[in-house]
Structures are given as structure tokens and as C-alpha cells.
Amino acid sequence: AVGIPTTLLINPDGLETGRLVGPAEWDSPEMIDILQQQLETPPGNS
């Protein structure tokens, strides 16, 4: 982490699939959409 907040998206296999440095509107429609897309990604394929 080069600073805080730092946020890592980690998949069920324990691999980092995404990262954000700095604050964010985590419940915005855009962020919800991208997170839901990642939740639909099968393990082993990021």
C-alpha cells in the first residue's frame, strides 16, 4: 500500500484482481456494477 486508504479486490482463490488507491464512492451505481461483474467471474479466471 502506497498510502491509505488502499483497497484490494481479492477473488475466492485468494488472488488480487483489483486495486484502488484513495477514497471512493463504494456504493455508487458504477462501482456496484463493476463489483457485481467480478462476483460473476468464475474462480480461476479474473
All heavy atoms as atom14 arrays in JSON, in Angstrom:
{
  "sequence": "AVGIPTTLLINPDGLETGRLVGPAEWDSPEMIDILQQQLETPPGNS",
  "atom14_mask": [
    [1, 1, 1, 1, 1, 0, 0, 0, 0, 0, 0, 0, 0, 0],
    [1, 1, 1, 1, 1, 1, 1, 0, 0, 0, 0, 0, 0, 0],
    [1, 1, 1, 1, 0, 0, 0, 0, 0, 0, 0, 0, 0, 0],
    [1, 1, 1, 1, 1, 1, 1, 1, 0, 0, 0, 0, 0, 0],
    [1, 1, 1, 1, 1, 1, 1, 0, 0, 0, 0, 0, 0, 0],
    [1, 1, 1, 1, 1, 1, 1, 0, 0, 0, 0, 0, 0, 0],
    [1, 1, 1, 1, 1, 1, 1, 0, 0, 0, 0, 0, 0, 0],
    [1, 1, 1, 1, 1, 1, 1, 1, 0, 0, 0, 0, 0, 0],
    [1, 1, 1, 1, 1, 1, 1, 1, 0, 0, 0, 0, 0, 0],
    [1, 1, 1, 1, 1, 1, 1, 1, 0, 0, 0, 0, 0, 0],
    [1, 1, 1, 1, 1, 1, 1, 1, 0, 0, 0, 0, 0, 0],
    [1, 1, 1, 1, 1, 1, 1, 0, 0, 0, 0, 0, 0, 0],
    [1, 1, 1, 1, 1, 1, 1, 1, 0, 0, 0, 0, 0, 0],
    [1, 1, 1, 1, 0, 0, 0, 0, 0, 0, 0, 0, 0, 0],
    [1, 1, 1, 1, 1, 1, 1, 1, 0, 0, 0, 0, 0, 0],
    [1, 1, 1, 1, 1, 1, 1, 1, 1, 0, 0, 0, 0, 0],
    [1, 1, 1, 1, 1, 1, 1, 0, 0, 0, 0, 0, 0, 0],
    [1, 1, 1, 1, 0, 0, 0, 0, 0, 0, 0, 0, 0, 0],
    [1, 1, 1, 1, 1, 1, 1, 1, 1, 1, 1, 0, 0, 0],
    [1, 1, 1, 1, 1, 1, 1, 1, 0, 0, 0, 0, 0, 0],
    [1, 1, 1, 1, 1, 1, 1, 0, 0, 0, 0, 0, 0, 0],
    [1, 1, 1, 1, 0, 0, 0, 0, 0, 0, 0, 0, 0, 0],
    [1, 1, 1, 1, 1, 1, 1, 0, 0, 0, 0, 0, 0, 0],
    [1, 1, 1, 1, 1, 0, 0, 0, 0, 0, 0, 0, 0, 0],
    [1, 1, 1, 1, 1, 1, 1, 1, 1, 0, 0, 0, 0, 0],
    [1, 1, 1, 1, 1, 1, 1, 1, 1, 1, 1, 1, 1, 1],
    [1, 1, 1, 1, 1, 1, 1, 1, 0, 0, 0, 0, 0, 0],
    [1, 1, 1, 1, 1, 1, 0, 0, 0, 0, 0, 0, 0, 0],
    [1, 1, 1, 1, 1, 1, 1, 0, 0, 0, 0, 0, 0, 0],
    [1, 1, 1, 1, 1, 1, 1, 1, 1, 0, 0, 0, 0, 0],
    [1, 1, 1, 1, 1, 1, 1, 1, 0, 0, 0, 0, 0, 0],
    [1, 1, 1, 1, 1, 1, 1, 1, 0, 0, 0, 0, 0, 0],
    [1, 1, 1, 1, 1, 1, 1, 1, 0, 0, 0, 0, 0, 0],
    [1, 1, 1, 1, 1, 1, 1, 1, 0, 0, 0, 0, 0, 0],
    [1, 1, 1, 1, 1, 1, 1, 1, 0, 0, 0, 0, 0, 0],
    [1, 1, 1, 1, 1, 1, 1, 1, 1, 0, 0, 0, 0, 0],
    [1, 1, 1, 1, 1, 1, 1, 1, 1, 0, 0, 0, 0, 0],
    [1, 1, 1, 1, 1, 1, 1, 1, 1, 0, 0, 0, 0, 0],
    [1, 1, 1, 1, 1, 1, 1, 1, 0, 0, 0, 0, 0, 0],
    [1, 1, 1, 1, 1, 1, 1, 1, 1, 0, 0, 0, 0, 0],
    [1, 1, 1, 1, 1, 1, 1, 0, 0, 0, 0, 0, 0, 0],
    [1, 1, 1, 1, 1, 1, 1, 0, 0, 0, 0, 0, 0, 0],
    [1, 1, 1, 1, 1, 1, 1, 0, 0, 0, 0, 0, 0, 0],
    [1, 1, 1, 1, 0, 0, 0, 0, 0, 0, 0, 0, 0, 0],
    [1, 1, 1, 1, 1, 1, 1, 1, 0, 0, 0, 0, 0, 0],
    [1, 1, 1, 1, 1, 1, 0, 0, 0, 0, 0, 0, 0, 0]
  ],
  "atom14_positions": [
    [[0.84, -1.2, 0.0], [0.0, 0.0, 0.0], [0.88, 1.24, 0.0], [1.72, 1.4, 0.88], [-0.92, 0.01, 1.22], [0.0, 0.0, 0.0], [0.0, 0.0, 0.0], [0.0, 0.0, 0.0], [0.0, 0.0, 0.0], [0.0, 0.0, 0.0], [0.0, 0.0, 0.0], [0.0, 0.0, 0.0], [0.0, 0.0, 0.0], [0.0, 0.0, 0.0]],
    [[0.69, 2.12, -0.97], [1.49, 3.34, -1.06], [0.87, 4.49, -0.26], [1.41, 5.58, -0.22], [1.67, 3.78, -2.52], [2.45, 2.74, -3.3], [0.32, 4.04, -3.19], [0.0, 0.0, 0.0], [0.0, 0.0, 0.0], [0.0, 0.0, 0.0], [0.0, 0.0, 0.0], [0.0, 0.0, 0.0], [0.0, 0.0, 0.0], [0.0, 0.0, 0.0]],
    [[-0.23, 4.23, 0.37], [-0.92, 5.22, 1.17], [-2.25, 4.63, 1.61], [-2.62, 3.52, 1.21], [0.0, 0.0, 0.0], [0.0, 0.0, 0.0], [0.0, 0.0, 0.0], [0.0, 0.0, 0.0], [0.0, 0.0, 0.0], [0.0, 0.0, 0.0], [0.0, 0.0, 0.0], [0.0, 0.0, 0.0], [0.0, 0.0, 0.0], [0.0, 0.0, 0.0]],
    [[-2.96, 5.34, 2.46], [-4.29, 4.88, 2.87], [-5.31, 5.99, 2.63], [-4.96, 7.17, 2.73], [-4.3, 4.42, 4.35], [-3.9, 5.55, 5.29], [-3.46, 3.19, 4.54], [-4.11, 5.22, 6.75], [0.0, 0.0, 0.0], [0.0, 0.0, 0.0], [0.0, 0.0, 0.0], [0.0, 0.0, 0.0], [0.0, 0.0, 0.0], [0.0, 0.0, 0.0]],
    [[-6.53, 5.61, 2.27], [-6.98, 4.23, 2.11], [-6.45, 3.58, 0.83], [-6.27, 4.24, -0.18], [-8.5, 4.36, 2.03], [-8.72, 5.72, 1.43], [-7.62, 6.57, 2.0], [0.0, 0.0, 0.0], [0.0, 0.0, 0.0], [0.0, 0.0, 0.0], [0.0, 0.0, 0.0], [0.0, 0.0, 0.0], [0.0, 0.0, 0.0], [0.0, 0.0, 0.0]],
    [[-6.18, 2.28, 0.92], [-5.89, 1.45, -0.24], [-6.81, 0.24, -0.15], [-6.95, -0.36, 0.92], [-4.42, 1.0, -0.26], [-3.59, 2.11, -0.59], [-4.2, -0.09, -1.31], [0.0, 0.0, 0.0], [0.0, 0.0, 0.0], [0.0, 0.0, 0.0], [0.0, 0.0, 0.0], [0.0, 0.0, 0.0], [0.0, 0.0, 0.0], [0.0, 0.0, 0.0]],
    [[-7.42, -0.11, -1.26], [-8.4, -1.19, -1.28], [-8.04, -2.24, -2.31], [-7.75, -1.9, -3.46], [-9.81, -0.64, -1.56], [-10.1, 0.42, -0.63], [-10.86, -1.73, -1.41], [0.0, 0.0, 0.0], [0.0, 0.0, 0.0], [0.0, 0.0, 0.0], [0.0, 0.0, 0.0], [0.0, 0.0, 0.0], [0.0, 0.0, 0.0], [0.0, 0.0, 0.0]],
    [[-8.07, -3.51, -1.89], [-7.77, -4.62, -2.77], [-9.02, -5.47, -2.99], [-9.73, -5.78, -2.02], [-6.67, -5.52, -2.2], [-5.21, -5.06, -2.3], [-4.97, -3.8, -1.48], [-4.28, -6.18, -1.85], [0.0, 0.0, 0.0], [0.0, 0.0, 0.0], [0.0, 0.0, 0.0], [0.0, 0.0, 0.0], [0.0, 0.0, 0.0], [0.0, 0.0, 0.0]],
    [[-9.28, -5.82, -4.22], [-10.33, -6.77, -4.54], [-9.66, -8.13, -4.67], [-8.78, -8.31, -5.51], [-11.04, -6.38, -5.83], [-12.25, -7.22, -6.25], [-13.36, -7.13, -5.2], [-12.77, -6.78, -7.61], [0.0, 0.0, 0.0], [0.0, 0.0, 0.0], [0.0, 0.0, 0.0], [0.0, 0.0, 0.0], [0.0, 0.0, 0.0], [0.0, 0.0, 0.0]],
    [[-10.07, -9.09, -3.84], [-9.43, -10.4, -3.8], [-10.46, -11.48, -4.1], [-11.53, -11.52, -3.47], [-8.78, -10.64, -2.42], [-7.72, -9.55, -2.16], [-8.16, -12.02, -2.33], [-7.1, -9.62, -0.78], [0.0, 0.0, 0.0], [0.0, 0.0, 0.0], [0.0, 0.0, 0.0], [0.0, 0.0, 0.0], [0.0, 0.0, 0.0], [0.0, 0.0, 0.0]],
    [[-10.16, -12.33, -5.07], [-11.14, -13.32, -5.5], [-11.14, -14.54, -4.59], [-10.32, -14.65, -3.66], [-10.89, -13.7, -6.97], [-9.64, -14.55, -7.18], [-8.99, -15.0, -6.24], [-9.3, -14.78, -8.44], [0.0, 0.0, 0.0], [0.0, 0.0, 0.0], [0.0, 0.0, 0.0], [0.0, 0.0, 0.0], [0.0, 0.0, 0.0], [0.0, 0.0, 0.0]],
    [[-12.06, -15.49, -4.8], [-12.15, -16.67, -3.92], [-10.88, -17.51, -3.87], [-10.68, -18.27, -2.92], [-13.32, -17.45, -4.52], [-14.18, -16.41, -5.17], [-13.19, -15.44, -5.76], [0.0, 0.0, 0.0], [0.0, 0.0, 0.0], [0.0, 0.0, 0.0], [0.0, 0.0, 0.0], [0.0, 0.0, 0.0], [0.0, 0.0, 0.0], [0.0, 0.0, 0.0]],
    [[-10.03, -17.41, -4.9], [-8.77, -18.15, -4.89], [-7.69, -17.45, -4.09], [-6.56, -17.95, -3.98], [-8.27, -18.33, -6.34], [-9.2, -19.22, -7.15], [-9.79, -20.15, -6.56], [-9.33, -19.0, -8.37], [0.0, 0.0, 0.0], [0.0, 0.0, 0.0], [0.0, 0.0, 0.0], [0.0, 0.0, 0.0], [0.0, 0.0, 0.0], [0.0, 0.0, 0.0]],
    [[-7.99, -16.26, -3.56], [-7.0, -15.52, -2.8], [-6.08, -14.67, -3.64], [-5.03, -14.23, -3.16], [0.0, 0.0, 0.0], [0.0, 0.0, 0.0], [0.0, 0.0, 0.0], [0.0, 0.0, 0.0], [0.0, 0.0, 0.0], [0.0, 0.0, 0.0], [0.0, 0.0, 0.0], [0.0, 0.0, 0.0], [0.0, 0.0, 0.0], [0.0, 0.0, 0.0]],
    [[-6.45, -14.41, -4.9], [-5.64, -13.59, -5.79], [-6.2, -12.18, -5.89], [-7.43, -11.99, -5.91], [-5.59, -14.22, -7.19], [-4.94, -15.6, -7.29], [-5.07, -16.12, -8.71], [-3.49, -15.57, -6.84], [0.0, 0.0, 0.0], [0.0, 0.0, 0.0], [0.0, 0.0, 0.0], [0.0, 0.0, 0.0], [0.0, 0.0, 0.0], [0.0, 0.0, 0.0]],
    [[-5.32, -11.21, -5.96], [-5.75, -9.82, -6.13], [-6.18, -9.6, -7.57], [-5.41, -9.76, -8.5], [-4.61, -8.86, -5.79], [-4.97, -7.4, -6.0], [-3.8, -6.46, -5.77], [-2.92, -6.78, -4.94], [-3.76, -5.39, -6.45], [0.0, 0.0, 0.0], [0.0, 0.0, 0.0], [0.0, 0.0, 0.0], [0.0, 0.0, 0.0], [0.0, 0.0, 0.0]],
    [[-7.43, -9.21, -7.75], [-7.95, -8.95, -9.09], [-8.17, -7.48, -9.36], [-8.43, -7.08, -10.5], [-9.27, -9.71, -9.32], [-10.22, -9.31, -8.33], [-9.06, -11.22, -9.24], [0.0, 0.0, 0.0], [0.0, 0.0, 0.0], [0.0, 0.0, 0.0], [0.0, 0.0, 0.0], [0.0, 0.0, 0.0], [0.0, 0.0, 0.0], [0.0, 0.0, 0.0]],
    [[-8.08, -6.66, -8.31], [-8.27, -5.22, -8.5], [-7.68, -4.44, -7.35], [-7.43, -4.99, -6.27], [0.0, 0.0, 0.0], [0.0, 0.0, 0.0], [0.0, 0.0, 0.0], [0.0, 0.0, 0.0], [0.0, 0.0, 0.0], [0.0, 0.0, 0.0], [0.0, 0.0, 0.0], [0.0, 0.0, 0.0], [0.0, 0.0, 0.0], [0.0, 0.0, 0.0]],
    [[-7.44, -3.15, -7.59], [-6.87, -2.27, -6.55], [-7.3, -0.85, -6.79], [-7.41, -0.4, -7.93], [-5.34, -2.37, -6.54], [-4.67, -1.49, -5.48], [-3.17, -1.71, -5.44], [-2.83, -3.02, -4.91], [-1.93, -3.23, -3.94], [-1.28, -2.21, -3.4], [-1.65, -4.45, -3.53], [0.0, 0.0, 0.0], [0.0, 0.0, 0.0], [0.0, 0.0, 0.0]],
    [[-7.53, -0.13, -5.69], [-7.86, 1.28, -5.76], [-7.07, 2.01, -4.68], [-7.09, 1.6, -3.52], [-9.37, 1.49, -5.58], [-9.91, 2.9, -5.82], [-11.38, 2.85, -6.22], [-9.78, 3.8, -4.58], [0.0, 0.0, 0.0], [0.0, 0.0, 0.0], [0.0, 0.0, 0.0], [0.0, 0.0, 0.0], [0.0, 0.0, 0.0], [0.0, 0.0, 0.0]],
    [[-6.37, 3.06, -5.06], [-5.62, 3.89, -4.11], [-6.38, 5.19, -3.92], [-6.62, 5.92, -4.87], [-4.2, 4.17, -4.61], [-3.46, 5.07, -3.63], [-3.44, 2.87, -4.83], [0.0, 0.0, 0.0], [0.0, 0.0, 0.0], [0.0, 0.0, 0.0], [0.0, 0.0, 0.0], [0.0, 0.0, 0.0], [0.0, 0.0, 0.0], [0.0, 0.0, 0.0]],
    [[-6.76, 5.46, -2.67], [-7.55, 6.66, -2.39], [-9.0, 6.31, -2.1], [-9.42, 5.16, -2.22], [0.0, 0.0, 0.0], [0.0, 0.0, 0.0], [0.0, 0.0, 0.0], [0.0, 0.0, 0.0], [0.0, 0.0, 0.0], [0.0, 0.0, 0.0], [0.0, 0.0, 0.0], [0.0, 0.0, 0.0], [0.0, 0.0, 0.0], [0.0, 0.0, 0.0]],
    [[-9.79, 7.3, -1.7], [-11.19, 7.06, -1.35], [-12.06, 6.88, -2.58], [-11.67, 7.25, -3.69], [-11.56, 8.34, -0.58], [-10.69, 9.39, -1.21], [-9.39, 8.7, -1.51], [0.0, 0.0, 0.0], [0.0, 0.0, 0.0], [0.0, 0.0, 0.0], [0.0, 0.0, 0.0], [0.0, 0.0, 0.0], [0.0, 0.0, 0.0], [0.0, 0.0, 0.0]],
    [[-13.25, 6.34, -2.37], [-14.17, 6.13, -3.49], [-15.61, 6.12, -2.98], [-15.87, 5.91, -1.79], [-13.87, 4.81, -4.21], [0.0, 0.0, 0.0], [0.0, 0.0, 0.0], [0.0, 0.0, 0.0], [0.0, 0.0, 0.0], [0.0, 0.0, 0.0], [0.0, 0.0, 0.0], [0.0, 0.0, 0.0], [0.0, 0.0, 0.0], [0.0, 0.0, 0.0]],
    [[-16.54, 6.34, -3.91], [-17.97, 6.19, -3.61], [-18.32, 4.73, -3.84], [-18.77, 4.33, -4.92], [-18.8, 7.1, -4.51], [-18.67, 8.58, -4.19], [-19.28, 8.92, -2.83], [-20.18, 8.19, -2.39], [-18.83, 9.91, -2.23], [0.0, 0.0, 0.0], [0.0, 0.0, 0.0], [0.0, 0.0, 0.0], [0.0, 0.0, 0.0], [0.0, 0.0, 0.0]],
    [[-18.1, 3.91, -2.83], [-18.19, 2.47, -2.99], [-19.59, 1.96, -3.29], [-19.75, 0.86, -3.83], [-17.63, 1.78, -1.75], [-16.16, 1.91, -1.66], [-15.44, 2.72, -0.84], [-15.2, 1.22, -2.47], [-14.09, 2.58, -1.07], [-13.92, 1.66, -2.07], [-15.3, 0.27, -3.49], [-12.75, 1.19, -2.65], [-14.13, -0.2, -4.07], [-12.88, 0.25, -3.65]],
    [[-20.6, 2.71, -2.95], [-21.96, 2.25, -3.23], [-22.58, 2.99, -4.41], [-23.8, 2.95, -4.6], [-22.85, 2.41, -2.0], [-22.96, 3.86, -1.54], [-22.05, 4.67, -1.86], [-23.96, 4.19, -0.86], [0.0, 0.0, 0.0], [0.0, 0.0, 0.0], [0.0, 0.0, 0.0], [0.0, 0.0, 0.0], [0.0, 0.0, 0.0], [0.0, 0.0, 0.0]],
    [[-21.75, 3.62, -5.24], [-22.27, 4.29, -6.44], [-22.72, 3.23, -7.44], [-22.22, 2.09, -7.42], [-21.2, 5.17, -7.07], [-20.15, 4.37, -7.61], [0.0, 0.0, 0.0], [0.0, 0.0, 0.0], [0.0, 0.0, 0.0], [0.0, 0.0, 0.0], [0.0, 0.0, 0.0], [0.0, 0.0, 0.0], [0.0, 0.0, 0.0], [0.0, 0.0, 0.0]],
    [[-23.64, 3.55, -8.34], [-24.1, 2.58, -9.33], [-22.97, 2.01, -10.17], [-22.95, 0.82, -10.47], [-25.07, 3.4, -10.2], [-25.57, 4.47, -9.29], [-24.39, 4.81, -8.41], [0.0, 0.0, 0.0], [0.0, 0.0, 0.0], [0.0, 0.0, 0.0], [0.0, 0.0, 0.0], [0.0, 0.0, 0.0], [0.0, 0.0, 0.0], [0.0, 0.0, 0.0]],
    [[-21.99, 2.87, -10.53], [-20.87, 2.41, -11.35], [-20.03, 1.39, -10.59], [-19.62, 0.36, -11.15], [-19.99, 3.6, -11.76], [-20.66, 4.63, -12.65], [-21.51, 5.62, -11.88], [-21.46, 5.59, -10.62], [-22.24, 6.39, -12.52], [0.0, 0.0, 0.0], [0.0, 0.0, 0.0], [0.0, 0.0, 0.0], [0.0, 0.0, 0.0], [0.0, 0.0, 0.0]],
    [[-19.76, 1.66, -9.3], [-18.94, 0.75, -8.52], [-19.68, -0.55, -8.23], [-19.09, -1.64, -8.29], [-18.53, 1.42, -7.21], [-17.4, 0.71, -6.5], [-15.84, 0.81, -7.41], [-15.35, 2.49, -7.05], [0.0, 0.0, 0.0], [0.0, 0.0, 0.0], [0.0, 0.0, 0.0], [0.0, 0.0, 0.0], [0.0, 0.0, 0.0], [0.0, 0.0, 0.0]],
    [[-20.96, -0.45, -7.94], [-21.76, -1.65, -7.72], [-21.74, -2.54, -8.96], [-21.58, -3.77, -8.87], [-23.22, -1.29, -7.38], [-23.3, -0.59, -6.01], [-24.11, -2.53, -7.41], [-23.04, -1.5, -4.84], [0.0, 0.0, 0.0], [0.0, 0.0, 0.0], [0.0, 0.0, 0.0], [0.0, 0.0, 0.0], [0.0, 0.0, 0.0], [0.0, 0.0, 0.0]],
    [[-21.84, -1.93, -10.12], [-21.86, -2.68, -11.37], [-20.56, -3.44, -11.59], [-20.57, -4.63, -11.92], [-22.12, -1.73, -12.55], [-22.18, -2.46, -13.88], [-23.07, -3.31, -14.06], [-21.32, -2.19, -14.75], [0.0, 0.0, 0.0], [0.0, 0.0, 0.0], [0.0, 0.0, 0.0], [0.0, 0.0, 0.0], [0.0, 0.0, 0.0], [0.0, 0.0, 0.0]],
    [[-19.43, -2.76, -11.39], [-18.15, -3.42, -11.64], [-17.87, -4.51, -10.61], [-17.31, -5.57, -10.94], [-17.0, -2.39, -11.69], [-15.77, -3.02, -12.35], [-16.65, -1.87, -10.32], [-14.68, -2.03, -12.68], [0.0, 0.0, 0.0], [0.0, 0.0, 0.0], [0.0, 0.0, 0.0], [0.0, 0.0, 0.0], [0.0, 0.0, 0.0], [0.0, 0.0, 0.0]],
    [[-18.31, -4.31, -9.38], [-18.13, -5.34, -8.37], [-19.01, -6.56, -8.65], [-18.57, -7.71, -8.49], [-18.42, -4.77, -6.99], [-17.41, -3.76, -6.45], [-17.9, -3.14, -5.14], [-16.04, -4.41, -6.24], [0.0, 0.0, 0.0], [0.0, 0.0, 0.0], [0.0, 0.0, 0.0], [0.0, 0.0, 0.0], [0.0, 0.0, 0.0], [0.0, 0.0, 0.0]],
    [[-20.22, -6.32, -9.09], [-21.11, -7.44, -9.42], [-20.56, -8.23, -10.6], [-20.69, -9.47, -10.64], [-22.52, -6.92, -9.72], [-23.26, -6.48, -8.46], [-24.66, -5.99, -8.76], [-24.9, -5.36, -9.79], [-25.58, -6.24, -7.85], [0.0, 0.0, 0.0], [0.0, 0.0, 0.0], [0.0, 0.0, 0.0], [0.0, 0.0, 0.0], [0.0, 0.0, 0.0]],
    [[-19.95, -7.55, -11.55], [-19.32, -8.25, -12.67], [-18.21, -9.17, -12.17], [-18.06, -10.3, -12.64], [-18.74, -7.25, -13.67], [-19.79, -6.49, -14.47], [-19.16, -5.5, -15.43], [-18.03, -5.69, -15.88], [-19.87, -4.42, -15.73], [0.0, 0.0, 0.0], [0.0, 0.0, 0.0], [0.0, 0.0, 0.0], [0.0, 0.0, 0.0], [0.0, 0.0, 0.0]],
    [[-17.43, -8.69, -11.22], [-16.36, -9.51, -10.67], [-16.9, -10.68, -9.86], [-16.33, -11.77, -9.86], [-15.44, -8.65, -9.8], [-14.63, -7.63, -10.58], [-13.75, -8.28, -11.65], [-12.91, -9.12, -11.33], [-13.96, -7.91, -12.89], [0.0, 0.0, 0.0], [0.0, 0.0, 0.0], [0.0, 0.0, 0.0], [0.0, 0.0, 0.0], [0.0, 0.0, 0.0]],
    [[-18.01, -10.48, -9.19], [-18.62, -11.57, -8.41], [-19.13, -12.67, -9.33], [-19.23, -13.84, -8.92], [-19.76, -11.02, -7.55], [-19.34, -10.15, -6.37], [-20.56, -9.56, -5.67], [-18.51, -10.96, -5.38], [0.0, 0.0, 0.0], [0.0, 0.0, 0.0], [0.0, 0.0, 0.0], [0.0, 0.0, 0.0], [0.0, 0.0, 0.0], [0.0, 0.0, 0.0]],
    [[-19.46, -12.3, -10.56], [-19.94, -13.29, -11.53], [-18.81, -13.99, -12.26], [-19.05, -14.94, -13.0], [-20.86, -12.59, -12.54], [-22.14, -12.06, -11.93], [-22.91, -11.16, -12.86], [-22.44, -10.97, -14.02], [-23.98, -10.65, -12.48], [0.0, 0.0, 0.0], [0.0, 0.0, 0.0], [0.0, 0.0, 0.0], [0.0, 0.0, 0.0], [0.0, 0.0, 0.0]],
    [[-17.56, -13.53, -12.04], [-16.4, -14.14, -12.7], [-16.06, -15.46, -12.0], [-15.83, -15.46, -10.79], [-15.18, -13.2, -12.65], [-15.51, -11.98, -13.3], [-13.98, -13.84, -13.36], [0.0, 0.0, 0.0], [0.0, 0.0, 0.0], [0.0, 0.0, 0.0], [0.0, 0.0, 0.0], [0.0, 0.0, 0.0], [0.0, 0.0, 0.0], [0.0, 0.0, 0.0]],
    [[-16.0, -16.57, -12.73], [-15.68, -17.86, -12.1], [-14.29, -17.85, -11.5], [-13.37, -17.21, -12.04], [-15.74, -18.85, -13.29], [-16.56, -18.16, -14.33], [-16.27, -16.69, -14.16], [0.0, 0.0, 0.0], [0.0, 0.0, 0.0], [0.0, 0.0, 0.0], [0.0, 0.0, 0.0], [0.0, 0.0, 0.0], [0.0, 0.0, 0.0], [0.0, 0.0, 0.0]],
    [[-14.09, -18.54, -10.36], [-12.75, -18.62, -9.77], [-11.76, -19.19, -10.77], [-12.1, -20.07, -11.57], [-12.94, -19.58, -8.6], [-14.39, -19.45, -8.23], [-15.09, -19.22, -9.56], [0.0, 0.0, 0.0], [0.0, 0.0, 0.0], [0.0, 0.0, 0.0], [0.0, 0.0, 0.0], [0.0, 0.0, 0.0], [0.0, 0.0, 0.0], [0.0, 0.0, 0.0]],
    [[-10.53, -18.66, -10.75], [-9.52, -19.13, -11.68], [-9.48, -18.32, -12.95], [-8.62, -18.49, -13.8], [0.0, 0.0, 0.0], [0.0, 0.0, 0.0], [0.0, 0.0, 0.0], [0.0, 0.0, 0.0], [0.0, 0.0, 0.0], [0.0, 0.0, 0.0], [0.0, 0.0, 0.0], [0.0, 0.0, 0.0], [0.0, 0.0, 0.0], [0.0, 0.0, 0.0]],
    [[-10.45, -17.36, -13.1], [-10.47, -16.5, -14.29], [-10.84, -15.1, -13.85], [-11.99, -14.8, -13.58], [-11.5, -17.02, -15.29], [-11.58, -16.16, -16.55], [-10.74, -15.28, -16.75], [-12.56, -16.43, -17.38], [0.0, 0.0, 0.0], [0.0, 0.0, 0.0], [0.0, 0.0, 0.0], [0.0, 0.0, 0.0], [0.0, 0.0, 0.0], [0.0, 0.0, 0.0]],
    [[-9.86, -14.2, -13.79], [-10.07, -12.84, -13.31], [-10.34, -11.87, -14.43], [-10.48, -10.69, -14.22], [-8.85, -12.36, -12.51], [-7.71, -12.32, -13.33], [0.0, 0.0, 0.0], [0.0, 0.0, 0.0], [0.0, 0.0, 0.0], [0.0, 0.0, 0.0], [0.0, 0.0, 0.0], [0.0, 0.0, 0.0], [0.0, 0.0, 0.0], [0.0, 0.0, 0.0]]
  ]
}
